[in-house]
């Protein structure tokens, strides 16, 4: 198998896992202590894994394809919010991960990703609704919930990384 074929197969496995996690999470009832329609973002574990272990472009690709999945399963509005939140989140995580001379713990990178995912979605909603006041009203709550979700997914990422590495390591 060539290098490109191997990377494509790895990304395919990761994408299937991201789809499964997103579907499962969307099927579960919302967490009682989280704001309405705010979820942990379990599929972001896969995105982080791709950024850290497969490549930054792989993480960005997973983000875009997850948004396409949301578009197909939940409609254009949800797809747009997924793309906006995911893109901002991935960009921030890549910048923090590749920051020169600084090694930021991955759980902090995940927390930043969670916060910026929520802020990216909120910015998209404000543009659609043509209301900057929404940002001021909802940003504090979404920053806190993004921080919580990012820490939880970061901790799960750290726990699940050894198992995920088994699917992506080079087979001899």
C-alpha atoms as a PDB file:
ATOM      1  CA  UNK A   1       0.000   0.000   0.000  1.00  0.00           C
ATOM      2  CA  UNK A   2       1.401   3.412  -0.932  1.00  0.00           C
ATOM      3  CA  UNK A   3       1.764   6.251   1.549  1.00  0.00           C
ATOM      4  CA  UNK A   4      -1.166   8.130   0.066  1.00  0.00           C
ATOM      5  CA  UNK A   5      -3.364   5.017   0.106  1.00  0.00           C
ATOM      6  CA  UNK A   6      -2.415   4.344   3.712  1.00  0.00           C
ATOM      7  CA  UNK A   7      -3.214   7.927   4.773  1.00  0.00           C
ATOM      8  CA  UNK A   8      -6.526   7.836   2.882  1.00  0.00           C
ATOM      9  CA  UNK A   9      -7.481   4.576   4.602  1.00  0.00           C
ATOM     10  CA  UNK A  10      -6.552   5.989   8.025  1.00  0.00           C
ATOM     11  CA  UNK A  11      -8.603   9.123   7.403  1.00  0.00           C
ATOM     12  CA  UNK A  12     -11.523   6.989   6.212  1.00  0.00           C
ATOM     13  CA  UNK A  13     -11.468   5.019   9.460  1.00  0.00           C
ATOM     14  CA  UNK A  14     -11.256   8.234  11.471  1.00  0.00           C
ATOM     15  CA  UNK A  15     -14.111   9.797   9.507  1.00  0.00           C
ATOM     16  CA  UNK A  16     -16.323   6.757  10.097  1.00  0.00           C
ATOM     17  CA  UNK A  17     -15.536   6.968  13.814  1.00  0.00           C
ATOM     18  CA  UNK A  18     -16.315  10.704  13.850  1.00  0.00           C
ATOM     19  CA  UNK A  19     -19.647  10.082  12.103  1.00  0.00           C
ATOM     20  CA  UNK A  20     -20.524   7.324  14.576  1.00  0.00           C
ATOM     21  CA  UNK A  21     -19.649   9.479  17.602  1.00  0.00           C
ATOM     22  CA  UNK A  22     -21.611  12.443  16.229  1.00  0.00           C
ATOM     23  CA  UNK A  23     -24.635  10.252  15.516  1.00  0.00           C
ATOM     24  CA  UNK A  24     -24.524   8.622  18.946  1.00  0.00           C
ATOM     25  CA  UNK A  25     -24.120  11.953  20.732  1.00  0.00           C
ATOM     26  CA  UNK A  26     -26.971  13.507  18.769  1.00  0.00           C
ATOM     27  CA  UNK A  27     -29.192  10.552  19.715  1.00  0.00           C
ATOM     28  CA  UNK A  28     -28.551  10.990  23.448  1.00  0.00           C
ATOM     29  CA  UNK A  29     -30.596  13.386  25.581  1.00  0.00           C
ATOM     30  CA  UNK A  30     -28.893  16.709  26.296  1.00  0.00           C
ATOM     31  CA  UNK A  31     -26.875  16.990  29.471  1.00  0.00           C
ATOM     32  CA  UNK A  32     -29.048  18.638  32.140  1.00  0.00           C
ATOM     33  CA  UNK A  33     -26.378  21.133  33.258  1.00  0.00           C
ATOM     34  CA  UNK A  34     -25.499  22.314  29.743  1.00  0.00           C
ATOM     35  CA  UNK A  35     -27.308  25.094  27.865  1.00  0.00           C
ATOM     36  CA  UNK A  36     -29.927  23.980  25.311  1.00  0.00           C
ATOM     37  CA  UNK A  37     -28.479  22.452  22.134  1.00  0.00           C
ATOM     38  CA  UNK A  38     -24.926  22.479  23.551  1.00  0.00           C
ATOM     39  CA  UNK A  39     -23.204  19.103  23.420  1.00  0.00           C
ATOM     40  CA  UNK A  40     -19.785  17.797  24.403  1.00  0.00           C
ATOM     41  CA  UNK A  41     -18.681  17.351  20.801  1.00  0.00           C
ATOM     42  CA  UNK A  42     -17.379  13.808  21.127  1.00  0.00           C
ATOM     43  CA  UNK A  43     -16.533  13.615  17.423  1.00  0.00           C
ATOM     44  CA  UNK A  44     -13.983  16.373  18.047  1.00  0.00           C
ATOM     45  CA  UNK A  45     -11.849  13.707  19.732  1.00  0.00           C
ATOM     46  CA  UNK A  46     -11.297  12.303  16.250  1.00  0.00           C
ATOM     47  CA  UNK A  47     -10.515  15.729  14.800  1.00  0.00           C
ATOM     48  CA  UNK A  48      -7.924  16.331  17.519  1.00  0.00           C
ATOM     49  CA  UNK A  49      -6.409  12.912  16.959  1.00  0.00           C
ATOM     50  CA  UNK A  50      -6.042  13.667  13.261  1.00  0.00           C
ATOM     51  CA  UNK A  51      -4.409  17.039  13.945  1.00  0.00           C
ATOM     52  CA  UNK A  52      -1.947  15.611  16.471  1.00  0.00           C
ATOM     53  CA  UNK A  53      -1.194  12.198  14.952  1.00  0.00           C
ATOM     54  CA  UNK A  54      -2.067  12.145  11.247  1.00  0.00           C
ATOM     55  CA  UNK A  55      -1.563  15.726  10.099  1.00  0.00           C
ATOM     56  CA  UNK A  56      -3.048  19.194  10.244  1.00  0.00           C
ATOM     57  CA  UNK A  57      -4.590  18.870   6.782  1.00  0.00           C
ATOM     58  CA  UNK A  58      -6.218  15.592   7.865  1.00  0.00           C
ATOM     59  CA  UNK A  59      -7.793  17.322  10.859  1.00  0.00           C
ATOM     60  CA  UNK A  60      -9.098  20.125   8.634  1.00  0.00           C
ATOM     61  CA  UNK A  61     -10.481  17.601   6.144  1.00  0.00           C
ATOM     62  CA  UNK A  62     -12.288  15.683   8.903  1.00  0.00           C
ATOM     63  CA  UNK A  63     -13.817  18.982  10.080  1.00  0.00           C
ATOM     64  CA  UNK A  64     -15.180  19.804   6.621  1.00  0.00           C
ATOM     65  CA  UNK A  65     -16.479  16.276   6.019  1.00  0.00           C
ATOM     66  CA  UNK A  66     -18.169  16.231   9.442  1.00  0.00           C
ATOM     67  CA  UNK A  67     -19.950  19.462   8.467  1.00  0.00           C
ATOM     68  CA  UNK A  68     -21.096  17.765   5.246  1.00  0.00           C
ATOM     69  CA  UNK A  69     -22.438  14.869   7.324  1.00  0.00           C
ATOM     70  CA  UNK A  70     -24.338  17.328   9.534  1.00  0.00           C
ATOM     71  CA  UNK A  71     -25.679  19.071   6.430  1.00  0.00           C
ATOM     72  CA  UNK A  72     -27.021  15.766   5.094  1.00  0.00           C
ATOM     73  CA  UNK A  73     -28.455  14.524   8.389  1.00  0.00           C
ATOM     74  CA  UNK A  74     -29.708  17.721  10.062  1.00  0.00           C
ATOM     75  CA  UNK A  75     -30.057  20.328   7.347  1.00  0.00           C
ATOM     76  CA  UNK A  76     -28.333  23.414   5.956  1.00  0.00           C
ATOM     77  CA  UNK A  77     -28.499  25.588   9.067  1.00  0.00           C
ATOM     78  CA  UNK A  78     -26.921  22.905  11.271  1.00  0.00           C
ATOM     79  CA  UNK A  79     -24.372  22.143   8.538  1.00  0.00           C
ATOM     80  CA  UNK A  80     -23.358  25.806   8.318  1.00  0.00           C
ATOM     81  CA  UNK A  81     -22.999  26.087  12.087  1.00  0.00           C
ATOM     82  CA  UNK A  82     -20.936  22.904  12.162  1.00  0.00           C
ATOM     83  CA  UNK A  83     -18.645  24.235   9.451  1.00  0.00           C
ATOM     84  CA  UNK A  84     -18.236  27.655  11.077  1.00  0.00           C
ATOM     85  CA  UNK A  85     -17.641  26.357  14.593  1.00  0.00           C
ATOM     86  CA  UNK A  86     -15.462  23.482  13.449  1.00  0.00           C
ATOM     87  CA  UNK A  87     -13.314  25.624  11.162  1.00  0.00           C
ATOM     88  CA  UNK A  88     -12.572  28.218  13.824  1.00  0.00           C
ATOM     89  CA  UNK A  89     -11.908  25.475  16.366  1.00  0.00           C
ATOM     90  CA  UNK A  90      -9.550  23.544  14.091  1.00  0.00           C
ATOM     91  CA  UNK A  91      -7.680  26.710  13.128  1.00  0.00           C
ATOM     92  CA  UNK A  92      -7.134  27.649  16.786  1.00  0.00           C
ATOM     93  CA  UNK A  93      -6.059  24.111  17.726  1.00  0.00           C
ATOM     94  CA  UNK A  94      -3.598  23.945  14.811  1.00  0.00           C
ATOM     95  CA  UNK A  95      -2.139  27.347  15.743  1.00  0.00           C
ATOM     96  CA  UNK A  96      -1.705  26.311  19.382  1.00  0.00           C
ATOM     97  CA  UNK A  97      -0.335  22.878  18.446  1.00  0.00           C
ATOM     98  CA  UNK A  98       2.255  24.357  16.099  1.00  0.00           C
ATOM     99  CA  UNK A  99       3.151  27.380  18.245  1.00  0.00           C
ATOM    100  CA  UNK A 100       6.942  27.754  18.053  1.00  0.00           C
ATOM    101  CA  UNK A 101       8.922  27.190  21.252  1.00  0.00           C
ATOM    102  CA  UNK A 102       5.800  26.527  23.304  1.00  0.00           C
ATOM    103  CA  UNK A 103       4.500  23.101  24.185  1.00  0.00           C
ATOM    104  CA  UNK A 104       0.904  23.577  25.244  1.00  0.00           C
ATOM    105  CA  UNK A 105      -0.751  20.612  26.970  1.00  0.00           C
ATOM    106  CA  UNK A 106      -3.278  18.951  24.710  1.00  0.00           C
ATOM    107  CA  UNK A 107      -6.099  19.355  27.210  1.00  0.00           C
ATOM    108  CA  UNK A 108      -5.600  23.150  27.029  1.00  0.00           C
ATOM    109  CA  UNK A 109      -5.625  22.984  23.241  1.00  0.00           C
ATOM    110  CA  UNK A 110      -8.868  21.013  23.436  1.00  0.00           C
ATOM    111  CA  UNK A 111     -10.376  23.543  25.854  1.00  0.00           C
ATOM    112  CA  UNK A 112      -9.472  26.390  23.477  1.00  0.00           C
ATOM    113  CA  UNK A 113     -10.983  24.389  20.620  1.00  0.00           C
ATOM    114  CA  UNK A 114     -14.236  23.965  22.552  1.00  0.00           C
ATOM    115  CA  UNK A 115     -14.458  27.668  23.364  1.00  0.00           C
ATOM    116  CA  UNK A 116     -13.709  28.771  19.810  1.00  0.00           C
ATOM    117  CA  UNK A 117     -16.100  26.195  18.345  1.00  0.00           C
ATOM    118  CA  UNK A 118     -18.920  27.805  20.308  1.00  0.00           C
ATOM    119  CA  UNK A 119     -17.770  31.333  19.442  1.00  0.00           C
ATOM    120  CA  UNK A 120     -17.532  30.445  15.742  1.00  0.00           C
ATOM    121  CA  UNK A 121     -21.070  29.111  15.779  1.00  0.00           C
ATOM    122  CA  UNK A 122     -22.316  32.128  17.726  1.00  0.00           C
ATOM    123  CA  UNK A 123     -20.668  34.503  15.251  1.00  0.00           C
ATOM    124  CA  UNK A 124     -22.406  32.677  12.384  1.00  0.00           C
ATOM    125  CA  UNK A 125     -25.773  32.942  14.151  1.00  0.00           C
ATOM    126  CA  UNK A 126     -25.205  36.662  14.762  1.00  0.00           C
ATOM    127  CA  UNK A 127     -24.453  37.201  11.070  1.00  0.00           C
ATOM    128  CA  UNK A 128     -27.509  35.224   9.983  1.00  0.00           C
ATOM    129  CA  UNK A 129     -29.790  36.974  12.476  1.00  0.00           C
ATOM    130  CA  UNK A 130     -28.101  40.359  11.872  1.00  0.00           C
ATOM    131  CA  UNK A 131     -27.859  40.911  15.613  1.00  0.00           C
ATOM    132  CA  UNK A 132     -24.575  41.695  17.327  1.00  0.00           C
ATOM    133  CA  UNK A 133     -26.449  41.855  20.621  1.00  0.00           C
ATOM    134  CA  UNK A 134     -26.800  38.070  20.579  1.00  0.00           C
ATOM    135  CA  UNK A 135     -23.033  37.755  20.824  1.00  0.00           C
ATOM    136  CA  UNK A 136     -22.839  39.823  24.010  1.00  0.00           C
ATOM    137  CA  UNK A 137     -25.801  37.994  25.516  1.00  0.00           C
ATOM    138  CA  UNK A 138     -24.669  34.429  24.803  1.00  0.00           C
ATOM    139  CA  UNK A 139     -20.871  34.607  24.672  1.00  0.00           C
ATOM    140  CA  UNK A 140     -20.227  34.244  28.433  1.00  0.00           C
ATOM    141  CA  UNK A 141     -22.410  31.131  28.713  1.00  0.00           C
ATOM    142  CA  UNK A 142     -20.966  29.614  25.534  1.00  0.00           C
ATOM    143  CA  UNK A 143     -17.398  30.321  26.627  1.00  0.00           C
ATOM    144  CA  UNK A 144     -18.009  28.479  29.905  1.00  0.00           C
ATOM    145  CA  UNK A 145     -19.793  25.558  28.264  1.00  0.00           C
ATOM    146  CA  UNK A 146     -17.101  25.378  25.543  1.00  0.00           C
ATOM    147  CA  UNK A 147     -14.405  25.341  28.195  1.00  0.00           C
ATOM    148  CA  UNK A 148     -16.165  22.521  30.052  1.00  0.00           C
ATOM    149  CA  UNK A 149     -16.808  20.508  26.874  1.00  0.00           C
ATOM    150  CA  UNK A 150     -13.237  21.057  25.677  1.00  0.00           C
ATOM    151  CA  UNK A 151     -11.775  19.836  28.960  1.00  0.00           C
ATOM    152  CA  UNK A 152     -14.002  16.744  28.947  1.00  0.00           C
ATOM    153  CA  UNK A 153     -13.222  15.887  25.315  1.00  0.00           C
ATOM    154  CA  UNK A 154      -9.535  16.620  25.940  1.00  0.00           C
ATOM    155  CA  UNK A 155      -9.492  14.211  28.868  1.00  0.00           C
ATOM    156  CA  UNK A 156     -11.291  11.586  26.779  1.00  0.00           C
ATOM    157  CA  UNK A 157      -8.831  12.228  23.939  1.00  0.00           C
ATOM    158  CA  UNK A 158      -5.890  11.594  26.266  1.00  0.00           C
ATOM    159  CA  UNK A 159      -7.538   8.396  27.509  1.00  0.00           C
ATOM    160  CA  UNK A 160      -8.516   7.091  24.058  1.00  0.00           C
ATOM    161  CA  UNK A 161      -5.353   8.019  22.150  1.00  0.00           C
ATOM    162  CA  UNK A 162      -3.599   4.657  22.718  1.00  0.00           C
ATOM    163  CA  UNK A 163      -6.602   2.787  21.301  1.00  0.00           C
ATOM    164  CA  UNK A 164      -6.887   5.165  18.343  1.00  0.00           C
ATOM    165  CA  UNK A 165      -3.180   4.789  17.611  1.00  0.00           C
ATOM    166  CA  UNK A 166      -3.717   1.062  17.039  1.00  0.00           C
ATOM    167  CA  UNK A 167      -5.906   1.924  14.026  1.00  0.00           C
ATOM    168  CA  UNK A 168      -3.416   4.331  12.527  1.00  0.00           C
ATOM    169  CA  UNK A 169      -0.020   2.795  13.179  1.00  0.00           C
ATOM    170  CA  UNK A 170       1.935   1.457  10.284  1.00  0.00           C
ATOM    171  CA  UNK A 171       1.450  -2.283   9.941  1.00  0.00           C
ATOM    172  CA  UNK A 172       4.587  -4.250   9.086  1.00  0.00           C
END
